[in-house]
Amino acid sequence: MNVANVGIIAGTGHMPLHVAHEAVERGHRVVAIAFPGFTDPAIEKIVPEIFWLKLGQVERAISVLRSHGIKRVVMAGKIEKSNLLRLWHLRPDRRALRLIRSLSDWRDDTILAAIAAELQRDGIVVDEITQWAARLMAPLGLLTGSAPSQRQWKDIEFGRRMAQGIGALDIGQTVVVKNLAVIAVEAIDGTDRTIRRARDLDFPNSVVVKMAKPNQDMRFDVPGVGPSTVESMIAASARSLAVEAGKTLITNYAEMIGKAEDAGISIVGIPADGPVACDRRVFPD
């Protein structure tokens, strides 16, 4: 990719900070669209040009990007869909209202594709997140020193099918399973709350499986895990985490693995199909 102006639509978590660092290191001039209460203010230390907008200010966001010569943007960090359904979090302008009226439903893919199409109308292309975060993608193999037990490997294989099933329906990406039974399914509440629901149901020693949707659009809503995922697993007494290799972003890798090791939690990157069991330890760069 040629060095040029790059826009970041910054959601929650560490990912916008990573993308900002990556873009600046490559010599790009970066302009960020951020949202109070969602975007980490630390982005201001990385990006010199940042505009804090309310959710729903679509026309303003596009105007900012166009006025700064931005033709490519990356959507980094998620804003949970539940926030879009809480009107007090929104300040929709006319363009946003028109977009909302055009939606056939409120599925994640529908909303995000509509936003991408709106940007495209003004000549702004949404990049795949992997162009800016390839080093953060989960590798194939064991990420921790401990491996899942034989029973847990069976739960992981079962959970993979279940996670892919709910992904195909655009319900969520994560399931919590135990003894070949689904304990909790991610929906609008997000991964961490899904895991903690398993705690509330009192099913310790469970397995968490997170997979990309079939035909995952890598421009947005890419699966992601991090230290908070492990913290939720600790709270729920879950014992193993399996994520799809090559399609799951891991933020704060060292911290996440450290927390898992201390808690005796195994983490593994698995393929979309084929055998899941693996005894090969991997050490990402």
C-alpha atoms as a PDB file:
ATOM      1  CA  MET A   1       0.000   0.000   0.000  1.00  0.00           C
ATOM      2  CA  ASN A   2       1.386   3.389  -0.954  1.00  0.00           C
ATOM      3  CA  VAL A   3       2.017   5.920   1.780  1.00  0.00           C
ATOM      4  CA  ALA A   4      -1.005   8.235   1.877  1.00  0.00           C
ATOM      5  CA  ASN A   5      -3.608   9.692   4.175  1.00  0.00           C
ATOM      6  CA  VAL A   6      -5.397   7.014   6.198  1.00  0.00           C
ATOM      7  CA  GLY A   7      -8.527   7.325   8.329  1.00  0.00           C
ATOM      8  CA  ILE A   8      -9.316   5.311  11.436  1.00  0.00           C
ATOM      9  CA  ILE A   9     -12.860   4.928  12.724  1.00  0.00           C
ATOM     10  CA  ALA A  10     -11.923   4.112  16.295  1.00  0.00           C
ATOM     11  CA  GLY A  11     -14.150   1.978  18.497  1.00  0.00           C
ATOM     12  CA  THR A  12     -13.406   0.445  21.878  1.00  0.00           C
ATOM     13  CA  GLY A  13     -10.381  -1.413  23.159  1.00  0.00           C
ATOM     14  CA  HIS A  14      -6.720  -1.562  22.231  1.00  0.00           C
ATOM     15  CA  MET A  15      -7.138  -2.264  18.515  1.00  0.00           C
ATOM     16  CA  PRO A  16      -7.487   1.389  17.382  1.00  0.00           C
ATOM     17  CA  LEU A  17      -4.235   2.178  19.204  1.00  0.00           C
ATOM     18  CA  HIS A  18      -2.432  -0.665  17.446  1.00  0.00           C
ATOM     19  CA  VAL A  19      -3.730   0.370  14.024  1.00  0.00           C
ATOM     20  CA  ALA A  20      -2.786   3.990  14.703  1.00  0.00           C
ATOM     21  CA  HIS A  21       0.757   2.975  15.700  1.00  0.00           C
ATOM     22  CA  GLU A  22       1.059   0.762  12.623  1.00  0.00           C
ATOM     23  CA  ALA A  23      -0.136   3.486  10.254  1.00  0.00           C
ATOM     24  CA  VAL A  24       2.135   6.141  11.765  1.00  0.00           C
ATOM     25  CA  GLU A  25       5.138   3.799  11.661  1.00  0.00           C
ATOM     26  CA  ARG A  26       4.506   3.234   7.955  1.00  0.00           C
ATOM     27  CA  GLY A  27       4.650   6.979   7.419  1.00  0.00           C
ATOM     28  CA  HIS A  28       0.971   7.616   6.815  1.00  0.00           C
ATOM     29  CA  ARG A  29      -0.765  10.800   7.800  1.00  0.00           C
ATOM     30  CA  VAL A  30      -3.518   9.538  10.087  1.00  0.00           C
ATOM     31  CA  VAL A  31      -6.881  11.104  10.842  1.00  0.00           C
ATOM     32  CA  ALA A  32      -9.046   9.447  13.485  1.00  0.00           C
ATOM     33  CA  ILE A  33     -12.768   9.612  14.107  1.00  0.00           C
ATOM     34  CA  ALA A  34     -13.354   8.846  17.804  1.00  0.00           C
ATOM     35  CA  PHE A  35     -16.350   8.603  20.110  1.00  0.00           C
ATOM     36  CA  PRO A  36     -16.500   9.851  23.729  1.00  0.00           C
ATOM     37  CA  GLY A  37     -17.134   7.047  26.168  1.00  0.00           C
ATOM     38  CA  PHE A  38     -15.997   4.414  23.689  1.00  0.00           C
ATOM     39  CA  THR A  39     -12.624   5.292  22.150  1.00  0.00           C
ATOM     40  CA  ASP A  40      -9.553   5.146  24.405  1.00  0.00           C
ATOM     41  CA  PRO A  41      -8.333   8.765  24.849  1.00  0.00           C
ATOM     42  CA  ALA A  42      -4.764   7.417  24.603  1.00  0.00           C
ATOM     43  CA  ILE A  43      -5.202   7.590  20.842  1.00  0.00           C
ATOM     44  CA  GLU A  44      -4.611  11.333  21.120  1.00  0.00           C
ATOM     45  CA  LYS A  45      -0.965  10.593  21.964  1.00  0.00           C
ATOM     46  CA  ILE A  46      -0.556   8.711  18.686  1.00  0.00           C
ATOM     47  CA  VAL A  47      -2.725  10.552  16.184  1.00  0.00           C
ATOM     48  CA  PRO A  48      -2.252  14.317  15.858  1.00  0.00           C
ATOM     49  CA  GLU A  49      -5.545  14.830  14.035  1.00  0.00           C
ATOM     50  CA  ILE A  50      -8.483  13.363  15.910  1.00  0.00           C
ATOM     51  CA  PHE A  51     -12.140  14.367  15.832  1.00  0.00           C
ATOM     52  CA  TRP A  52     -14.469  13.383  18.659  1.00  0.00           C
ATOM     53  CA  LEU A  53     -17.980  12.796  17.356  1.00  0.00           C
ATOM     54  CA  LYS A  54     -21.231  11.389  18.675  1.00  0.00           C
ATOM     55  CA  LEU A  55     -22.472   8.061  17.359  1.00  0.00           C
ATOM     56  CA  GLY A  56     -24.712   8.793  14.425  1.00  0.00           C
ATOM     57  CA  GLN A  57     -22.890  11.841  13.048  1.00  0.00           C
ATOM     58  CA  VAL A  58     -22.357  10.161   9.691  1.00  0.00           C
ATOM     59  CA  GLU A  59     -22.356  13.312   7.570  1.00  0.00           C
ATOM     60  CA  ARG A  60     -19.887  15.014   9.899  1.00  0.00           C
ATOM     61  CA  ALA A  61     -17.567  11.996   9.866  1.00  0.00           C
ATOM     62  CA  ILE A  62     -17.557  11.775   6.081  1.00  0.00           C
ATOM     63  CA  SER A  63     -17.040  15.519   5.798  1.00  0.00           C
ATOM     64  CA  VAL A  64     -13.998  15.330   8.090  1.00  0.00           C
ATOM     65  CA  LEU A  65     -12.512  12.438   6.138  1.00  0.00           C
ATOM     66  CA  ARG A  66     -13.076  14.059   2.761  1.00  0.00           C
ATOM     67  CA  SER A  67     -11.713  17.430   3.860  1.00  0.00           C
ATOM     68  CA  HIS A  68      -8.493  15.698   4.900  1.00  0.00           C
ATOM     69  CA  GLY A  69      -8.107  13.822   1.644  1.00  0.00           C
ATOM     70  CA  ILE A  70      -8.910  10.427   3.143  1.00  0.00           C
ATOM     71  CA  LYS A  71      -9.770   7.771   0.573  1.00  0.00           C
ATOM     72  CA  ARG A  72      -9.101   4.684   2.720  1.00  0.00           C
ATOM     73  CA  VAL A  73     -10.279   3.998   6.262  1.00  0.00           C
ATOM     74  CA  VAL A  74     -10.071   1.117   8.687  1.00  0.00           C
ATOM     75  CA  MET A  75     -12.749   0.311  11.234  1.00  0.00           C
ATOM     76  CA  ALA A  76     -10.773  -0.636  14.343  1.00  0.00           C
ATOM     77  CA  GLY A  77     -12.335  -1.632  17.642  1.00  0.00           C
ATOM     78  CA  LYS A  78     -15.921  -2.647  18.137  1.00  0.00           C
ATOM     79  CA  ILE A  79     -18.862  -0.617  19.349  1.00  0.00           C
ATOM     80  CA  GLU A  80     -21.358  -3.123  20.685  1.00  0.00           C
ATOM     81  CA  LYS A  81     -24.594  -3.117  18.728  1.00  0.00           C
ATOM     82  CA  SER A  82     -26.551  -2.701  21.953  1.00  0.00           C
ATOM     83  CA  ASN A  83     -25.282   0.892  22.057  1.00  0.00           C
ATOM     84  CA  LEU A  84     -26.819   1.562  18.651  1.00  0.00           C
ATOM     85  CA  LEU A  85     -30.180   0.454  19.977  1.00  0.00           C
ATOM     86  CA  ARG A  86     -29.984   2.881  22.913  1.00  0.00           C
ATOM     87  CA  LEU A  87     -31.140   6.143  21.403  1.00  0.00           C
ATOM     88  CA  TRP A  88     -29.558   8.252  24.144  1.00  0.00           C
ATOM     89  CA  HIS A  89     -26.139   7.168  22.838  1.00  0.00           C
ATOM     90  CA  LEU A  90     -26.943   8.470  19.358  1.00  0.00           C
ATOM     91  CA  ARG A  91     -27.060  11.829  17.693  1.00  0.00           C
ATOM     92  CA  PRO A  92     -28.204  10.815  14.202  1.00  0.00           C
ATOM     93  CA  ASP A  93     -27.955  13.410  11.450  1.00  0.00           C
ATOM     94  CA  ARG A  94     -30.009  13.328   8.267  1.00  0.00           C
ATOM     95  CA  ARG A  95     -27.608  11.015   6.537  1.00  0.00           C
ATOM     96  CA  ALA A  96     -27.639   8.600   9.472  1.00  0.00           C
ATOM     97  CA  LEU A  97     -31.432   8.652   9.596  1.00  0.00           C
ATOM     98  CA  ARG A  98     -31.564   7.856   5.899  1.00  0.00           C
ATOM     99  CA  LEU A  99     -29.133   4.995   6.436  1.00  0.00           C
ATOM    100  CA  ILE A 100     -31.176   3.662   9.361  1.00  0.00           C
ATOM    101  CA  ARG A 101     -34.381   3.758   7.310  1.00  0.00           C
ATOM    102  CA  SER A 102     -32.652   1.769   4.554  1.00  0.00           C
ATOM    103  CA  LEU A 103     -31.725  -1.125   6.842  1.00  0.00           C
ATOM    104  CA  SER A 104     -33.581  -4.353   6.183  1.00  0.00           C
ATOM    105  CA  ASP A 105     -32.683  -5.561   9.690  1.00  0.00           C
ATOM    106  CA  TRP A 106     -30.331  -4.786  12.600  1.00  0.00           C
ATOM    107  CA  ARG A 107     -27.850  -7.606  12.129  1.00  0.00           C
ATOM    108  CA  ASP A 108     -24.189  -6.638  12.547  1.00  0.00           C
ATOM    109  CA  ASP A 109     -23.357  -7.426   8.924  1.00  0.00           C
ATOM    110  CA  THR A 110     -26.290  -5.382   7.655  1.00  0.00           C
ATOM    111  CA  ILE A 111     -25.388  -2.307   9.718  1.00  0.00           C
ATOM    112  CA  LEU A 112     -21.668  -2.380   8.981  1.00  0.00           C
ATOM    113  CA  ALA A 113     -22.126  -3.094   5.275  1.00  0.00           C
ATOM    114  CA  ALA A 114     -24.504  -0.132   5.078  1.00  0.00           C
ATOM    115  CA  ILE A 115     -21.922   2.141   6.728  1.00  0.00           C
ATOM    116  CA  ALA A 116     -19.230   0.894   4.348  1.00  0.00           C
ATOM    117  CA  ALA A 117     -21.529   1.526   1.381  1.00  0.00           C
ATOM    118  CA  GLU A 118     -22.227   5.049   2.647  1.00  0.00           C
ATOM    119  CA  LEU A 119     -18.500   5.757   2.804  1.00  0.00           C
ATOM    120  CA  GLN A 120     -18.046   4.254  -0.646  1.00  0.00           C
ATOM    121  CA  ARG A 121     -20.554   6.731  -2.076  1.00  0.00           C
ATOM    122  CA  ASP A 122     -18.072   9.445  -1.212  1.00  0.00           C
ATOM    123  CA  GLY A 123     -15.111   7.568  -2.628  1.00  0.00           C
ATOM    124  CA  ILE A 124     -13.862   6.228   0.730  1.00  0.00           C
ATOM    125  CA  VAL A 125     -12.918   2.533   0.805  1.00  0.00           C
ATOM    126  CA  VAL A 126     -12.922   0.456   3.994  1.00  0.00           C
ATOM    127  CA  ASP A 127      -9.748  -1.655   4.307  1.00  0.00           C
ATOM    128  CA  GLU A 128      -9.611  -5.140   5.760  1.00  0.00           C
ATOM    129  CA  ILE A 129      -8.300  -4.960   9.318  1.00  0.00           C
ATOM    130  CA  THR A 130      -5.695  -7.626   8.494  1.00  0.00           C
ATOM    131  CA  GLN A 131      -3.791  -5.075   6.398  1.00  0.00           C
ATOM    132  CA  TRP A 132      -3.058  -3.209   9.622  1.00  0.00           C
ATOM    133  CA  ALA A 133      -3.009  -5.949  12.236  1.00  0.00           C
ATOM    134  CA  ALA A 134      -1.527  -9.045  10.601  1.00  0.00           C
ATOM    135  CA  ARG A 135       0.852  -9.510  13.556  1.00  0.00           C
ATOM    136  CA  LEU A 136      -2.112  -9.750  15.928  1.00  0.00           C
ATOM    137  CA  MET A 137      -3.878 -12.646  14.209  1.00  0.00           C
ATOM    138  CA  ALA A 138      -4.023 -15.849  16.249  1.00  0.00           C
ATOM    139  CA  PRO A 139      -1.575 -18.512  15.035  1.00  0.00           C
ATOM    140  CA  LEU A 140      -2.401 -22.197  14.617  1.00  0.00           C
ATOM    141  CA  GLY A 141      -1.431 -24.314  17.606  1.00  0.00           C
ATOM    142  CA  LEU A 142      -1.047 -24.086  21.377  1.00  0.00           C
ATOM    143  CA  LEU A 143      -0.513 -20.586  22.697  1.00  0.00           C
ATOM    144  CA  THR A 144      -0.063 -21.667  26.325  1.00  0.00           C
ATOM    145  CA  GLY A 145       2.163 -24.210  27.983  1.00  0.00           C
ATOM    146  CA  SER A 146      -0.800 -26.291  29.079  1.00  0.00           C
ATOM    147  CA  ALA A 147      -3.014 -28.037  26.548  1.00  0.00           C
ATOM    148  CA  PRO A 148      -6.714 -28.901  26.687  1.00  0.00           C
ATOM    149  CA  SER A 149      -7.578 -32.306  28.105  1.00  0.00           C
ATOM    150  CA  GLN A 150      -8.951 -35.045  25.862  1.00  0.00           C
ATOM    151  CA  ARG A 151     -12.481 -34.198  26.994  1.00  0.00           C
ATOM    152  CA  GLN A 152     -11.879 -30.492  26.352  1.00  0.00           C
ATOM    153  CA  TRP A 153     -10.612 -31.215  22.816  1.00  0.00           C
ATOM    154  CA  LYS A 154     -13.931 -32.951  22.145  1.00  0.00           C
ATOM    155  CA  ASP A 155     -15.784 -29.932  23.529  1.00  0.00           C
ATOM    156  CA  ILE A 156     -13.681 -27.643  21.324  1.00  0.00           C
ATOM    157  CA  GLU A 157     -14.549 -29.618  18.206  1.00  0.00           C
ATOM    158  CA  PHE A 158     -18.213 -29.575  19.176  1.00  0.00           C
ATOM    159  CA  GLY A 159     -18.062 -25.884  20.073  1.00  0.00           C
ATOM    160  CA  ARG A 160     -16.490 -25.049  16.712  1.00  0.00           C
ATOM    161  CA  ARG A 161     -19.541 -26.435  14.908  1.00  0.00           C
ATOM    162  CA  MET A 162     -21.893 -24.571  17.218  1.00  0.00           C
ATOM    163  CA  ALA A 163     -20.004 -21.260  16.893  1.00  0.00           C
ATOM    164  CA  GLN A 164     -19.937 -21.549  13.120  1.00  0.00           C
ATOM    165  CA  GLY A 165     -23.654 -22.271  13.183  1.00  0.00           C
ATOM    166  CA  ILE A 166     -24.580 -19.151  15.129  1.00  0.00           C
ATOM    167  CA  GLY A 167     -22.105 -17.178  13.025  1.00  0.00           C
ATOM    168  CA  ALA A 168     -23.855 -18.253   9.831  1.00  0.00           C
ATOM    169  CA  LEU A 169     -27.067 -16.836  11.328  1.00  0.00           C
ATOM    170  CA  ASP A 170     -25.210 -13.626  12.365  1.00  0.00           C
ATOM    171  CA  ILE A 171     -26.162 -14.166  15.999  1.00  0.00           C
ATOM    172  CA  GLY A 172     -22.684 -14.121  17.499  1.00  0.00           C
ATOM    173  CA  GLN A 173     -19.235 -15.697  17.332  1.00  0.00           C
ATOM    174  CA  THR A 174     -18.760 -17.327  20.739  1.00  0.00           C
ATOM    175  CA  VAL A 175     -20.192 -20.314  22.549  1.00  0.00           C
ATOM    176  CA  VAL A 176     -19.484 -21.759  25.979  1.00  0.00           C
ATOM    177  CA  VAL A 177     -19.760 -25.552  26.077  1.00  0.00           C
ATOM    178  CA  LYS A 178     -19.275 -28.421  28.502  1.00  0.00           C
ATOM    179  CA  ASN A 179     -19.636 -32.152  27.979  1.00  0.00           C
ATOM    180  CA  LEU A 180     -20.843 -31.620  24.396  1.00  0.00           C
ATOM    181  CA  ALA A 181     -23.645 -29.303  25.526  1.00  0.00           C
ATOM    182  CA  VAL A 182     -24.040 -25.599  24.809  1.00  0.00           C
ATOM    183  CA  ILE A 183     -24.098 -23.579  28.033  1.00  0.00           C
ATOM    184  CA  ALA A 184     -24.177 -20.028  26.647  1.00  0.00           C
ATOM    185  CA  VAL A 185     -24.397 -18.412  23.216  1.00  0.00           C
ATOM    186  CA  GLU A 186     -23.137 -14.943  22.359  1.00  0.00           C
ATOM    187  CA  ALA A 187     -25.775 -12.551  21.091  1.00  0.00           C
ATOM    188  CA  ILE A 188     -26.027  -8.797  21.517  1.00  0.00           C
ATOM    189  CA  ASP A 189     -24.295  -8.915  24.910  1.00  0.00           C
ATOM    190  CA  GLY A 190     -20.798  -9.670  23.578  1.00  0.00           C
ATOM    191  CA  THR A 191     -18.166 -12.265  24.411  1.00  0.00           C
ATOM    192  CA  ASP A 192     -17.249 -11.317  27.981  1.00  0.00           C
ATOM    193  CA  ARG A 193     -20.821 -11.192  29.215  1.00  0.00           C
ATOM    194  CA  THR A 194     -21.573 -14.463  27.457  1.00  0.00           C
ATOM    195  CA  ILE A 195     -18.752 -16.146  29.360  1.00  0.00           C
ATOM    196  CA  ARG A 196     -19.885 -14.626  32.642  1.00  0.00           C
ATOM    197  CA  ARG A 197     -23.418 -15.908  32.042  1.00  0.00           C
ATOM    198  CA  ALA A 198     -21.936 -19.388  32.186  1.00  0.00           C
ATOM    199  CA  ARG A 199     -20.649 -18.486  35.659  1.00  0.00           C
ATOM    200  CA  ASP A 200     -24.133 -17.364  36.704  1.00  0.00           C
ATOM    201  CA  LEU A 201     -25.457 -20.730  35.507  1.00  0.00           C
ATOM    202  CA  ASP A 202     -22.815 -22.462  37.657  1.00  0.00           C
ATOM    203  CA  PHE A 203     -21.063 -24.540  34.994  1.00  0.00           C
ATOM    204  CA  PRO A 204     -17.366 -24.557  35.960  1.00  0.00           C
ATOM    205  CA  ASN A 205     -14.593 -26.158  33.885  1.00  0.00           C
ATOM    206  CA  SER A 206     -16.270 -25.152  30.641  1.00  0.00           C
ATOM    207  CA  VAL A 207     -14.697 -24.452  27.244  1.00  0.00           C
ATOM    208  CA  VAL A 208     -15.011 -21.198  25.302  1.00  0.00           C
ATOM    209  CA  VAL A 209     -14.881 -21.323  21.494  1.00  0.00           C
ATOM    210  CA  LYS A 210     -14.793 -18.230  19.294  1.00  0.00           C
ATOM    211  CA  MET A 211     -14.933 -18.560  15.500  1.00  0.00           C
ATOM    212  CA  ALA A 212     -15.229 -16.220  12.551  1.00  0.00           C
ATOM    213  CA  LYS A 213     -18.486 -16.262  10.686  1.00  0.00           C
ATOM    214  CA  PRO A 214     -18.537 -18.327   7.517  1.00  0.00           C
ATOM    215  CA  ASN A 215     -17.572 -15.908   4.729  1.00  0.00           C
ATOM    216  CA  GLN A 216     -16.394 -13.430   7.387  1.00  0.00           C
ATOM    217  CA  ASP A 217     -16.034  -9.895   6.026  1.00  0.00           C
ATOM    218  CA  MET A 218     -12.565  -8.987   7.279  1.00  0.00           C
ATOM    219  CA  ARG A 219     -13.292  -5.277   7.012  1.00  0.00           C
ATOM    220  CA  PHE A 220     -15.247  -5.266  10.238  1.00  0.00           C
ATOM    221  CA  ASP A 221     -16.539  -7.275  13.203  1.00  0.00           C
ATOM    222  CA  VAL A 222     -13.515  -9.565  13.105  1.00  0.00           C
ATOM    223  CA  PRO A 223     -13.404 -11.873  16.153  1.00  0.00           C
ATOM    224  CA  GLY A 224     -11.151 -10.602  18.903  1.00  0.00           C
ATOM    225  CA  VAL A 225      -9.901 -11.752  22.313  1.00  0.00           C
ATOM    226  CA  GLY A 226      -7.631 -10.265  24.930  1.00  0.00           C
ATOM    227  CA  PRO A 227      -6.919 -10.053  28.655  1.00  0.00           C
ATOM    228  CA  SER A 228     -10.552  -9.273  29.479  1.00  0.00           C
ATOM    229  CA  THR A 229     -11.573 -12.542  27.809  1.00  0.00           C
ATOM    230  CA  VAL A 230      -9.322 -14.469  30.168  1.00  0.00           C
ATOM    231  CA  GLU A 231     -10.532 -12.428  33.150  1.00  0.00           C
ATOM    232  CA  SER A 232     -14.105 -13.394  32.297  1.00  0.00           C
ATOM    233  CA  MET A 233     -13.051 -17.025  31.983  1.00  0.00           C
ATOM    234  CA  ILE A 234     -11.400 -16.891  35.391  1.00  0.00           C
ATOM    235  CA  ALA A 235     -14.605 -15.473  36.861  1.00  0.00           C
ATOM    236  CA  ALA A 236     -16.575 -18.285  35.211  1.00  0.00           C
ATOM    237  CA  SER A 237     -14.040 -21.002  36.136  1.00  0.00           C
ATOM    238  CA  ALA A 238     -13.689 -21.828  32.425  1.00  0.00           C
ATOM    239  CA  ARG A 239     -10.599 -23.865  31.582  1.00  0.00           C
ATOM    240  CA  SER A 240      -9.907 -23.663  27.851  1.00  0.00           C
ATOM    241  CA  LEU A 241     -10.216 -21.074  25.076  1.00  0.00           C
ATOM    242  CA  ALA A 242     -10.174 -21.972  21.369  1.00  0.00           C
ATOM    243  CA  VAL A 243     -10.126 -19.294  18.665  1.00  0.00           C
ATOM    244  CA  GLU A 244      -9.985 -19.511  14.893  1.00  0.00           C
ATOM    245  CA  ALA A 245      -6.401 -19.203  13.695  1.00  0.00           C
ATOM    246  CA  GLY A 246      -5.739 -16.523  11.105  1.00  0.00           C
ATOM    247  CA  LYS A 247      -9.096 -14.846  11.659  1.00  0.00           C
ATOM    248  CA  THR A 248      -9.059 -13.872  15.332  1.00  0.00           C
ATOM    249  CA  LEU A 249      -7.310 -10.752  16.602  1.00  0.00           C
ATOM    250  CA  ILE A 250      -5.438 -11.035  19.885  1.00  0.00           C
ATOM    251  CA  THR A 251      -4.792  -7.767  21.696  1.00  0.00           C
ATOM    252  CA  ASN A 252      -2.217  -7.409  24.477  1.00  0.00           C
ATOM    253  CA  TYR A 253      -0.945 -10.913  23.673  1.00  0.00           C
ATOM    254  CA  ALA A 254       1.688 -11.194  26.422  1.00  0.00           C
ATOM    255  CA  GLU A 255      -0.708  -9.980  29.109  1.00  0.00           C
ATOM    256  CA  MET A 256      -3.447 -12.339  27.972  1.00  0.00           C
ATOM    257  CA  ILE A 257      -1.161 -15.378  27.872  1.00  0.00           C
ATOM    258  CA  GLY A 258       0.341 -14.450  31.246  1.00  0.00           C
ATOM    259  CA  LYS A 259      -3.096 -14.266  32.869  1.00  0.00           C
ATOM    260  CA  ALA A 260      -4.069 -17.592  31.303  1.00  0.00           C
ATOM    261  CA  GLU A 261      -0.873 -19.324  32.421  1.00  0.00           C
ATOM    262  CA  ASP A 262      -1.310 -18.064  35.986  1.00  0.00           C
ATOM    263  CA  ALA A 263      -4.893 -19.334  36.060  1.00  0.00           C
ATOM    264  CA  GLY A 264      -4.160 -22.707  34.445  1.00  0.00           C
ATOM    265  CA  ILE A 265      -6.214 -21.854  31.347  1.00  0.00           C
ATOM    266  CA  SER A 266      -5.201 -23.341  27.997  1.00  0.00           C
ATOM    267  CA  ILE A 267      -5.501 -21.295  24.793  1.00  0.00           C
ATOM    268  CA  VAL A 268      -5.298 -22.752  21.314  1.00  0.00           C
ATOM    269  CA  GLY A 269      -5.649 -21.518  17.742  1.00  0.00           C
ATOM    270  CA  ILE A 270      -7.711 -23.960  15.681  1.00  0.00           C
ATOM    271  CA  PRO A 271      -8.547 -24.274  11.966  1.00  0.00           C
ATOM    272  CA  ALA A 272     -11.980 -23.669  10.484  1.00  0.00           C
ATOM    273  CA  ASP A 273     -12.196 -27.362   9.597  1.00  0.00           C
ATOM    274  CA  GLY A 274     -10.221 -30.553  10.044  1.00  0.00           C
ATOM    275  CA  PRO A 275      -8.703 -31.884  13.271  1.00  0.00           C
ATOM    276  CA  VAL A 276      -8.614 -29.446  16.192  1.00  0.00           C
ATOM    277  CA  ALA A 277      -6.297 -31.338  18.552  1.00  0.00           C
ATOM    278  CA  CYS A 278      -2.694 -30.133  18.445  1.00  0.00           C
ATOM    279  CA  ASP A 279       0.362 -30.450  20.680  1.00  0.00           C
ATOM    280  CA  ARG A 280       2.551 -27.914  18.861  1.00  0.00           C
ATOM    281  CA  ARG A 281       3.367 -24.827  20.958  1.00  0.00           C
ATOM    282  CA  VAL A 282       3.667 -21.616  18.941  1.00  0.00           C
ATOM    283  CA  PHE A 283       5.444 -18.413  19.891  1.00  0.00           C
ATOM    284  CA  PRO A 284       4.241 -15.448  17.794  1.00  0.00           C
ATOM    285  CA  ASP A 285       6.755 -12.709  16.983  1.00  0.00           C
END
